[in-house]
Structures are given as structure tokens and as C-alpha cells.
Amino acid sequence: CMPGPVHPISHSSRKTIYIYVYNCRFSGQPDKQLVINSYISNRWGTEERFPNPFEVGKPFQIRILVLENYFKIAVNGKHLCDYPHRVPVEDVKTIYIGGNIRVDFVEFQPPLLFGSVGHS
């Protein structure tokens, strides 16, 4: 039940990581799995499925840590999954959050420079 092609941002690379809270997953019996995918060059990749941590009507926090080979994703402070990079991470231009949700806060933290703080 992934959404059809979505074009929220117009940029040449079309390399986007989508986190989509799609309301059809909650109609009737809530889906037992969360689906994460990437939309690259106008095509969906292979779906990655994980236990669904979301509850209808409950607030949540998603934290995405960018590591060398994958994204470490946590929901409400608990590790959810490791999502491998499907393109070089420096080519990712957009993280899209959409669906039947209200986004209250987005924060970006630049990468930490290891070895530059507190080390001689």
C-alpha cells in the first residue's frame, strides 16, 4: 500500500528517502508492519518491512542517524531498524515526511567531527 509516484520537490537527482505514514495502513485493523522505501530515478525500490511502532492518534518522534553504510532509525527513543544506503548518502537531497500526520518539529544536526573535540 505504498503511495503512487510523489513529486514533492523538483530537483535533478530525484534521490529521495521517503518516510510515509500512509493512512490506509490504519484503516480497519492496523497494519502489523511498517514499510520503508526509497524513490530513486522515478522508481520505487524494494520495500523494507519492520514491526509497526505507531499507534493511531498518538504522538511520535522519529530520529534518523546517518552512519557510513546505513541510516539508524529510532522511534520514540527506541531503535527500530537499520536502513542501508541505496545511493551514496551525499547524493540524498530530500527526506520526505507525509501522510495523515501533523509535523510539529524538524531538527537537523550537522555531522560530528570525530577527533576534533577534546582530543589532542
Protein backbone atom coordinates (compact mmCIF):
# COMPACT_ATOMS: atom_id res chain seq x y z
CA CYS A 1 0.00 0.00 0.00
CA MET A 2 2.84 2.41 -0.82
CA PRO A 3 1.66 5.69 -2.31
CA GLY A 4 1.84 6.24 -6.03
CA PRO A 5 4.56 8.40 -7.54
CA VAL A 6 5.01 11.51 -5.43
CA HIS A 7 6.86 14.58 -6.65
CA PRO A 8 7.13 16.95 -3.68
CA ILE A 9 10.45 18.51 -4.69
CA SER A 10 11.69 19.25 -8.18
CA HIS A 11 15.41 18.61 -8.38
CA SER A 12 17.55 16.89 -10.96
CA SER A 13 18.87 13.94 -8.94
CA ARG A 14 15.44 12.57 -7.85
CA LYS A 15 17.13 10.75 -4.95
CA THR A 16 14.72 10.87 -2.06
CA ILE A 17 14.24 8.84 1.11
CA TYR A 18 10.53 8.61 1.92
CA ILE A 19 9.06 8.13 5.36
CA TYR A 20 5.37 7.95 4.59
CA VAL A 21 2.73 7.43 7.26
CA TYR A 22 0.00 6.28 4.90
CA ASN A 23 -3.46 6.30 6.45
CA CYS A 24 -4.66 3.18 4.60
CA ARG A 25 -2.27 1.23 6.85
CA PHE A 26 -4.50 2.18 9.79
CA SER A 27 -7.94 1.67 8.24
CA GLY A 28 -9.71 -1.29 9.83
CA GLN A 29 -7.14 -3.44 11.61
CA PRO A 30 -3.82 -1.55 11.94
CA ASP A 31 -1.00 -2.96 9.82
CA LYS A 32 1.46 -5.02 11.83
CA GLN A 33 4.38 -3.84 9.68
CA LEU A 34 5.96 -0.50 8.82
CA VAL A 35 7.14 -0.18 5.23
CA ILE A 36 10.18 1.99 4.41
CA ASN A 37 11.28 2.56 0.85
CA SER A 38 13.34 4.83 -1.41
CA TYR A 39 12.16 6.59 -4.56
CA ILE A 40 15.15 6.88 -6.88
CA SER A 41 15.08 7.97 -10.53
CA ASN A 42 11.26 7.91 -10.60
CA ARG A 43 11.06 4.31 -9.35
CA TRP A 44 10.28 2.67 -6.01
CA GLY A 45 12.91 0.31 -4.65
CA THR A 46 12.34 -2.92 -2.75
CA GLU A 47 10.24 -2.43 0.38
CA GLU A 48 11.89 -2.96 3.77
CA ARG A 49 9.41 -4.15 6.43
CA PHE A 50 9.70 -3.71 10.19
CA PRO A 51 7.37 -4.03 13.20
CA ASN A 52 4.98 -1.05 13.18
CA PRO A 53 5.74 1.16 16.24
CA PHE A 54 2.98 3.72 15.59
CA GLU A 55 -0.41 3.94 17.28
CA VAL A 56 -3.39 5.77 15.82
CA GLY A 57 -3.74 9.24 17.34
CA LYS A 58 -0.56 9.03 19.47
CA PRO A 59 2.33 11.49 19.01
CA PHE A 60 5.69 10.10 17.99
CA GLN A 61 9.29 11.14 17.39
CA ILE A 62 11.44 9.78 14.56
CA ARG A 63 15.22 10.16 14.81
CA ILE A 64 17.44 9.29 11.83
CA LEU A 65 21.16 8.91 12.45
CA VAL A 66 23.29 8.85 9.29
CA LEU A 67 26.09 6.30 9.55
CA GLU A 68 28.66 5.22 6.96
CA ASN A 69 26.62 2.42 5.34
CA TYR A 70 23.10 2.86 6.69
CA PHE A 71 20.57 5.05 8.48
CA LYS A 72 19.88 4.07 12.10
CA ILE A 73 16.20 4.85 12.70
CA ALA A 74 14.63 5.20 16.14
CA VAL A 75 11.01 5.88 17.07
CA ASN A 76 10.23 7.37 20.49
CA GLY A 77 13.80 6.73 21.63
CA LYS A 78 13.80 3.02 20.72
CA HIS A 79 15.85 1.54 17.88
CA LEU A 80 13.54 0.48 15.06
CA CYS A 81 15.82 -0.54 12.21
CA ASP A 82 18.97 -0.04 10.20
CA TYR A 83 18.10 1.06 6.66
CA PRO A 84 21.00 0.58 4.21
CA HIS A 85 22.01 3.42 1.91
CA ARG A 86 20.70 2.73 -1.59
CA VAL A 87 22.64 5.61 -3.10
CA PRO A 88 25.73 7.38 -1.78
CA VAL A 89 24.49 9.33 1.23
CA GLU A 90 25.92 12.60 -0.13
CA ASP A 91 23.51 12.22 -3.10
CA VAL A 92 20.39 12.16 -0.89
CA LYS A 93 18.73 15.52 -1.42
CA THR A 94 15.38 15.13 0.34
CA ILE A 95 13.78 13.35 3.26
CA TYR A 96 10.03 13.41 2.73
CA ILE A 97 7.61 13.01 5.63
CA GLY A 98 3.96 12.86 4.67
CA GLY A 99 0.62 11.21 5.13
CA ASN A 100 -2.15 11.78 7.63
CA ILE A 101 0.17 13.29 10.25
CA ARG A 102 0.99 16.66 11.80
CA VAL A 103 4.67 17.55 11.87
CA ASP A 104 5.41 19.77 14.87
CA PHE A 105 9.19 19.94 14.79
CA VAL A 106 12.08 19.10 12.46
CA GLU A 107 15.69 19.47 13.58
CA PHE A 108 18.87 18.99 11.58
CA GLN A 109 22.17 18.46 13.34
CA PRO A 110 25.36 18.67 11.28
CA PRO A 111 27.69 15.67 11.47
CA LEU A 112 30.03 15.39 14.42
CA LEU A 113 33.69 15.74 13.54
CA PHE A 114 35.37 12.86 15.34
CA GLY A 115 38.78 13.63 16.78
CA SER A 116 38.30 17.41 16.72
CA VAL A 117 36.74 17.89 20.16
CA GLY A 118 38.52 17.06 23.40
CA HIS A 119 41.35 15.13 21.76
CA SER A 120 44.95 16.25 21.37
